[in-house]
Amino acid sequence: MAQVWALMWDIKPGSEDAVEAIFKNSGRPEHVIRDKDGEQKGLLLGTYVLMKENTVVRVIEFEGEFMDVAVHMREQQEVADLEKQLDEHLLESRDMTTPEGARDFFMKTSMRCVLARRHDDEGE
């Protein structure tokens, strides 16, 4: 069963077009999540970025455990490049260079999904 998590943060007013371009031009991380032995642990199913004025919400849909996804994403060069480009546009600075800094950012900005329904689910 898929899980959905989101991060929400604010960018500097006036940087909306630049942030949109950064996301549109970013690379795509490997979608298969593997453990250190190469065994598949999960899948990235989709990424969605929503923006209203200077608030950004990035949503990821995945199969597997959230901590495995977090470790996987931290190891992806495409994600590191994206995060570095976003830094100058953030309203509140963050430290993504250390596991502790990244953890603090994710703890502060993460949102868990409390309900997800698809029209193709049984009973809908």
N, C-alpha and C. Protein backbone atom coordinates (compact mmCIF):
# COMPACT_ATOMS: atom_id res chain seq x y z
N MET A 1 0.84 -1.19 0.00
CA MET A 1 0.00 0.00 0.00
C MET A 1 0.88 1.24 0.00
N ALA A 2 0.55 2.18 -0.80
CA ALA A 2 1.33 3.40 -0.93
C ALA A 2 1.13 4.32 0.28
N GLN A 3 2.17 5.08 0.57
CA GLN A 3 2.13 6.11 1.60
C GLN A 3 2.37 7.46 0.93
N VAL A 4 1.89 8.51 1.57
CA VAL A 4 2.09 9.86 1.07
C VAL A 4 2.59 10.72 2.21
N TRP A 5 3.68 11.45 1.98
CA TRP A 5 4.21 12.42 2.94
C TRP A 5 4.46 13.72 2.20
N ALA A 6 4.43 14.82 2.92
CA ALA A 6 4.65 16.12 2.31
C ALA A 6 5.55 16.97 3.20
N LEU A 7 6.22 17.91 2.57
CA LEU A 7 7.01 18.93 3.25
C LEU A 7 6.44 20.28 2.84
N MET A 8 6.36 21.21 3.78
CA MET A 8 5.83 22.53 3.47
C MET A 8 6.79 23.58 4.03
N TRP A 9 7.14 24.56 3.20
CA TRP A 9 8.00 25.64 3.64
C TRP A 9 7.71 26.88 2.82
N ASP A 10 8.24 28.00 3.26
CA ASP A 10 8.05 29.27 2.57
C ASP A 10 9.33 29.68 1.85
N ILE A 11 9.13 30.32 0.70
CA ILE A 11 10.25 30.87 -0.06
C ILE A 11 10.16 32.39 0.00
N LYS A 12 11.24 33.05 -0.38
CA LYS A 12 11.26 34.51 -0.37
C LYS A 12 10.25 35.03 -1.39
N PRO A 13 9.44 36.01 -0.99
CA PRO A 13 8.49 36.59 -1.95
C PRO A 13 9.24 37.09 -3.19
N GLY A 14 8.67 36.82 -4.34
CA GLY A 14 9.29 37.22 -5.60
C GLY A 14 10.15 36.14 -6.24
N SER A 15 10.38 35.04 -5.52
CA SER A 15 11.21 33.98 -6.08
C SER A 15 10.39 32.81 -6.62
N GLU A 16 9.10 32.99 -6.73
CA GLU A 16 8.22 31.90 -7.16
C GLU A 16 8.60 31.35 -8.54
N ASP A 17 8.85 32.23 -9.51
CA ASP A 17 9.20 31.77 -10.86
C ASP A 17 10.51 30.99 -10.86
N ALA A 18 11.49 31.47 -10.10
CA ALA A 18 12.78 30.78 -10.04
C ALA A 18 12.63 29.40 -9.40
N VAL A 19 11.85 29.31 -8.35
CA VAL A 19 11.65 28.02 -7.67
C VAL A 19 10.89 27.06 -8.58
N GLU A 20 9.89 27.57 -9.28
CA GLU A 20 9.16 26.72 -10.22
C GLU A 20 10.12 26.16 -11.28
N ALA A 21 10.99 27.00 -11.81
CA ALA A 21 11.95 26.56 -12.82
C ALA A 21 12.93 25.53 -12.25
N ILE A 22 13.36 25.72 -11.02
CA ILE A 22 14.28 24.76 -10.39
C ILE A 22 13.63 23.39 -10.32
N PHE A 23 12.39 23.34 -9.88
CA PHE A 23 11.71 22.05 -9.80
C PHE A 23 11.50 21.43 -11.19
N LYS A 24 11.05 22.24 -12.15
CA LYS A 24 10.79 21.71 -13.49
C LYS A 24 12.05 21.20 -14.17
N ASN A 25 13.20 21.78 -13.86
CA ASN A 25 14.45 21.39 -14.51
C ASN A 25 15.28 20.41 -13.70
N SER A 26 14.77 19.98 -12.57
CA SER A 26 15.55 19.09 -11.71
C SER A 26 15.57 17.67 -12.29
N GLY A 27 16.60 16.92 -11.91
CA GLY A 27 16.70 15.53 -12.32
C GLY A 27 15.75 14.66 -11.52
N ARG A 28 15.65 13.42 -11.93
CA ARG A 28 14.76 12.48 -11.25
C ARG A 28 15.60 11.45 -10.50
N PRO A 29 15.33 11.26 -9.22
CA PRO A 29 16.08 10.26 -8.46
C PRO A 29 15.70 8.85 -8.91
N GLU A 30 16.55 7.90 -8.60
CA GLU A 30 16.26 6.49 -8.86
C GLU A 30 14.97 6.14 -8.13
N HIS A 31 14.04 5.50 -8.81
CA HIS A 31 12.74 5.22 -8.19
C HIS A 31 12.72 3.93 -7.38
N VAL A 32 13.70 3.06 -7.57
CA VAL A 32 13.75 1.83 -6.78
C VAL A 32 14.58 2.09 -5.52
N ILE A 33 14.01 1.81 -4.37
CA ILE A 33 14.69 2.00 -3.09
C ILE A 33 15.30 0.66 -2.68
N ARG A 34 16.62 0.67 -2.47
CA ARG A 34 17.33 -0.58 -2.15
C ARG A 34 18.06 -0.44 -0.82
N ASP A 35 18.26 -1.58 -0.16
CA ASP A 35 19.07 -1.57 1.06
C ASP A 35 20.55 -1.67 0.67
N LYS A 36 21.42 -1.69 1.66
CA LYS A 36 22.87 -1.70 1.38
C LYS A 36 23.32 -2.97 0.66
N ASP A 37 22.50 -4.03 0.69
CA ASP A 37 22.82 -5.27 -0.02
C ASP A 37 22.22 -5.31 -1.43
N GLY A 38 21.54 -4.24 -1.82
CA GLY A 38 20.95 -4.18 -3.15
C GLY A 38 19.55 -4.75 -3.27
N GLU A 39 18.99 -5.19 -2.16
CA GLU A 39 17.64 -5.74 -2.17
C GLU A 39 16.61 -4.61 -2.20
N GLN A 40 15.59 -4.76 -3.02
CA GLN A 40 14.55 -3.74 -3.12
C GLN A 40 13.78 -3.64 -1.81
N LYS A 41 13.66 -2.39 -1.32
CA LYS A 41 12.93 -2.12 -0.07
C LYS A 41 11.67 -1.30 -0.31
N GLY A 42 11.57 -0.69 -1.48
CA GLY A 42 10.41 0.15 -1.76
C GLY A 42 10.52 0.80 -3.13
N LEU A 43 9.55 1.65 -3.42
CA LEU A 43 9.50 2.36 -4.70
C LEU A 43 9.03 3.78 -4.50
N LEU A 44 9.63 4.70 -5.22
CA LEU A 44 9.08 6.05 -5.32
C LEU A 44 8.04 6.01 -6.42
N LEU A 45 6.81 6.38 -6.11
CA LEU A 45 5.72 6.31 -7.08
C LEU A 45 5.45 7.64 -7.74
N GLY A 46 5.64 8.74 -7.03
CA GLY A 46 5.36 10.04 -7.62
C GLY A 46 5.81 11.17 -6.71
N THR A 47 6.04 12.30 -7.34
CA THR A 47 6.38 13.53 -6.64
C THR A 47 5.48 14.62 -7.17
N TYR A 48 4.95 15.43 -6.28
CA TYR A 48 4.07 16.52 -6.65
C TYR A 48 4.56 17.77 -5.93
N VAL A 49 4.62 18.88 -6.65
CA VAL A 49 5.01 20.14 -6.03
C VAL A 49 3.88 21.13 -6.26
N LEU A 50 3.40 21.69 -5.15
CA LEU A 50 2.33 22.67 -5.22
C LEU A 50 2.85 23.98 -4.64
N MET A 51 2.38 25.09 -5.19
CA MET A 51 2.83 26.39 -4.69
C MET A 51 1.65 27.36 -4.72
N LYS A 52 1.52 28.09 -3.64
CA LYS A 52 0.57 29.19 -3.57
C LYS A 52 1.30 30.36 -2.96
N GLU A 53 1.40 31.42 -3.76
CA GLU A 53 2.18 32.58 -3.36
C GLU A 53 3.58 32.11 -2.98
N ASN A 54 4.02 32.30 -1.76
CA ASN A 54 5.39 31.90 -1.44
C ASN A 54 5.45 30.65 -0.55
N THR A 55 4.38 29.87 -0.53
CA THR A 55 4.37 28.61 0.21
C THR A 55 4.48 27.45 -0.78
N VAL A 56 5.41 26.55 -0.50
CA VAL A 56 5.66 25.38 -1.35
C VAL A 56 5.32 24.13 -0.55
N VAL A 57 4.65 23.20 -1.21
CA VAL A 57 4.37 21.89 -0.63
C VAL A 57 4.91 20.85 -1.62
N ARG A 58 5.82 20.01 -1.14
CA ARG A 58 6.35 18.93 -1.97
C ARG A 58 5.83 17.62 -1.39
N VAL A 59 5.15 16.84 -2.23
CA VAL A 59 4.50 15.60 -1.82
C VAL A 59 5.21 14.44 -2.50
N ILE A 60 5.49 13.39 -1.72
CA ILE A 60 6.03 12.17 -2.32
C ILE A 60 5.10 11.02 -1.99
N GLU A 61 4.88 10.19 -2.99
CA GLU A 61 4.08 8.98 -2.83
C GLU A 61 5.04 7.81 -3.03
N PHE A 62 5.00 6.85 -2.12
CA PHE A 62 5.97 5.77 -2.17
C PHE A 62 5.40 4.50 -1.56
N GLU A 63 6.07 3.40 -1.85
CA GLU A 63 5.82 2.13 -1.19
C GLU A 63 7.05 1.81 -0.36
N GLY A 64 6.86 1.33 0.84
CA GLY A 64 7.97 1.00 1.72
C GLY A 64 7.91 1.80 2.99
N GLU A 65 9.01 1.82 3.72
CA GLU A 65 9.09 2.52 5.00
C GLU A 65 9.65 3.93 4.80
N PHE A 66 9.08 4.89 5.53
CA PHE A 66 9.49 6.29 5.38
C PHE A 66 10.99 6.48 5.61
N MET A 67 11.55 5.84 6.64
CA MET A 67 12.98 6.02 6.92
C MET A 67 13.85 5.49 5.78
N ASP A 68 13.45 4.41 5.14
CA ASP A 68 14.19 3.91 3.98
C ASP A 68 14.14 4.93 2.84
N VAL A 69 12.98 5.54 2.65
CA VAL A 69 12.84 6.57 1.62
C VAL A 69 13.74 7.76 1.94
N ALA A 70 13.74 8.20 3.20
CA ALA A 70 14.56 9.35 3.60
C ALA A 70 16.04 9.09 3.34
N VAL A 71 16.52 7.91 3.71
CA VAL A 71 17.92 7.56 3.47
C VAL A 71 18.20 7.52 1.97
N HIS A 72 17.32 6.91 1.22
CA HIS A 72 17.47 6.81 -0.23
C HIS A 72 17.56 8.20 -0.87
N MET A 73 16.64 9.08 -0.49
CA MET A 73 16.62 10.43 -1.07
C MET A 73 17.88 11.20 -0.73
N ARG A 74 18.38 11.04 0.46
CA ARG A 74 19.60 11.74 0.88
C ARG A 74 20.79 11.30 0.02
N GLU A 75 20.76 10.08 -0.50
CA GLU A 75 21.87 9.55 -1.28
C GLU A 75 21.77 9.89 -2.77
N GLN A 76 20.68 10.48 -3.20
CA GLN A 76 20.46 10.77 -4.62
C GLN A 76 21.06 12.13 -5.01
N GLN A 77 21.97 12.14 -5.99
CA GLN A 77 22.61 13.38 -6.42
C GLN A 77 21.59 14.38 -6.96
N GLU A 78 20.57 13.90 -7.66
CA GLU A 78 19.55 14.79 -8.20
C GLU A 78 18.83 15.56 -7.10
N VAL A 79 18.60 14.89 -5.98
CA VAL A 79 17.94 15.55 -4.85
C VAL A 79 18.88 16.55 -4.20
N ALA A 80 20.15 16.17 -4.03
CA ALA A 80 21.15 17.09 -3.44
C ALA A 80 21.28 18.35 -4.30
N ASP A 81 21.32 18.18 -5.61
CA ASP A 81 21.42 19.33 -6.52
C ASP A 81 20.20 20.24 -6.39
N LEU A 82 19.02 19.64 -6.35
CA LEU A 82 17.78 20.40 -6.20
C LEU A 82 17.79 21.19 -4.90
N GLU A 83 18.11 20.52 -3.81
CA GLU A 83 18.10 21.18 -2.50
C GLU A 83 19.10 22.35 -2.47
N LYS A 84 20.25 22.16 -3.05
CA LYS A 84 21.26 23.23 -3.07
C LYS A 84 20.76 24.45 -3.84
N GLN A 85 20.10 24.21 -4.96
CA GLN A 85 19.56 25.32 -5.75
C GLN A 85 18.43 26.04 -5.03
N LEU A 86 17.65 25.31 -4.24
CA LEU A 86 16.54 25.92 -3.51
C LEU A 86 17.01 26.80 -2.35
N ASP A 87 18.18 26.50 -1.79
CA ASP A 87 18.64 27.17 -0.57
C ASP A 87 18.55 28.69 -0.64
N GLU A 88 18.98 29.30 -1.72
CA GLU A 88 19.01 30.76 -1.79
C GLU A 88 17.62 31.38 -1.82
N HIS A 89 16.60 30.58 -2.09
CA HIS A 89 15.24 31.09 -2.20
C HIS A 89 14.40 30.86 -0.96
N LEU A 90 14.93 30.15 0.01
CA LEU A 90 14.15 29.84 1.21
C LEU A 90 14.02 31.05 2.12
N LEU A 91 12.85 31.23 2.67
CA LEU A 91 12.62 32.34 3.60
C LEU A 91 13.39 32.11 4.89
N GLU A 92 13.43 30.87 5.33
CA GLU A 92 14.17 30.51 6.55
C GLU A 92 15.27 29.52 6.16
N SER A 93 16.51 29.86 6.51
CA SER A 93 17.63 29.00 6.11
C SER A 93 17.57 27.66 6.83
N ARG A 94 18.28 26.70 6.24
CA ARG A 94 18.33 25.35 6.79
C ARG A 94 19.73 24.80 6.54
N ASP A 95 20.07 23.73 7.24
CA ASP A 95 21.35 23.07 7.04
C ASP A 95 21.09 21.65 6.56
N MET A 96 21.27 21.42 5.26
CA MET A 96 21.06 20.09 4.70
C MET A 96 22.39 19.36 4.51
N THR A 97 23.48 19.91 5.05
CA THR A 97 24.81 19.30 4.85
C THR A 97 25.10 18.22 5.86
N THR A 98 24.31 18.13 6.92
CA THR A 98 24.53 17.10 7.93
C THR A 98 23.24 16.32 8.13
N PRO A 99 23.34 15.07 8.55
CA PRO A 99 22.11 14.30 8.85
C PRO A 99 21.25 14.98 9.91
N GLU A 100 21.88 15.61 10.89
CA GLU A 100 21.13 16.29 11.96
C GLU A 100 20.37 17.50 11.41
N GLY A 101 21.03 18.27 10.55
CA GLY A 101 20.38 19.43 9.95
C GLY A 101 19.21 19.03 9.08
N ALA A 102 19.41 18.00 8.26
CA ALA A 102 18.34 17.50 7.40
C ALA A 102 17.19 16.97 8.25
N ARG A 103 17.50 16.23 9.31
CA ARG A 103 16.46 15.70 10.20
C ARG A 103 15.65 16.84 10.81
N ASP A 104 16.34 17.89 11.28
CA ASP A 104 15.64 19.03 11.87
C ASP A 104 14.70 19.68 10.87
N PHE A 105 15.18 19.85 9.62
CA PHE A 105 14.34 20.45 8.58
C PHE A 105 13.11 19.59 8.33
N PHE A 106 13.32 18.28 8.17
CA PHE A 106 12.20 17.39 7.89
C PHE A 106 11.22 17.32 9.06
N MET A 107 11.73 17.34 10.28
CA MET A 107 10.84 17.30 11.45
C MET A 107 9.99 18.57 11.51
N LYS A 108 10.57 19.69 11.12
CA LYS A 108 9.87 20.97 11.19
C LYS A 108 8.85 21.14 10.06
N THR A 109 9.14 20.59 8.88
CA THR A 109 8.32 20.87 7.71
C THR A 109 7.45 19.72 7.24
N SER A 110 7.64 18.53 7.81
CA SER A 110 6.92 17.37 7.28
C SER A 110 5.46 17.34 7.71
N MET A 111 4.66 16.76 6.84
CA MET A 111 3.23 16.61 7.05
C MET A 111 2.88 15.17 6.72
N ARG A 112 2.16 14.50 7.60
CA ARG A 112 1.76 13.14 7.29
C ARG A 112 0.36 13.15 6.70
N CYS A 113 0.11 12.20 5.87
CA CYS A 113 -1.20 12.07 5.24
C CYS A 113 -2.14 11.38 6.23
N VAL A 114 -3.27 11.97 6.48
CA VAL A 114 -4.24 11.36 7.38
C VAL A 114 -5.36 10.65 6.62
N LEU A 115 -5.49 10.94 5.33
CA LEU A 115 -6.50 10.26 4.52
C LEU A 115 -6.10 10.36 3.06
N ALA A 116 -6.15 9.25 2.37
CA ALA A 116 -5.95 9.23 0.92
C ALA A 116 -6.94 8.25 0.34
N ARG A 117 -7.70 8.69 -0.63
CA ARG A 117 -8.68 7.84 -1.29
C ARG A 117 -8.47 7.92 -2.78
N ARG A 118 -8.59 6.79 -3.42
CA ARG A 118 -8.55 6.74 -4.88
C ARG A 118 -9.90 6.24 -5.36
N HIS A 119 -10.32 6.72 -6.47
CA HIS A 119 -11.62 6.32 -7.01
C HIS A 119 -11.64 4.88 -7.46
N ASP A 120 -10.45 4.30 -7.70
CA ASP A 120 -10.42 2.91 -8.12
C ASP A 120 -10.32 1.93 -6.95
N ASP A 121 -10.30 2.45 -5.70
CA ASP A 121 -10.31 1.58 -4.53
C ASP A 121 -11.67 0.89 -4.41
N GLU A 122 -11.65 -0.32 -3.86
CA GLU A 122 -12.91 -1.03 -3.64
C GLU A 122 -13.80 -0.23 -2.70
N GLY A 123 -15.06 -0.24 -2.98
CA GLY A 123 -16.02 0.43 -2.11
C GLY A 123 -16.20 1.90 -2.43
N GLU A 124 -15.45 2.41 -3.36
CA GLU A 124 -15.59 3.83 -3.73
C GLU A 124 -16.53 3.98 -4.90
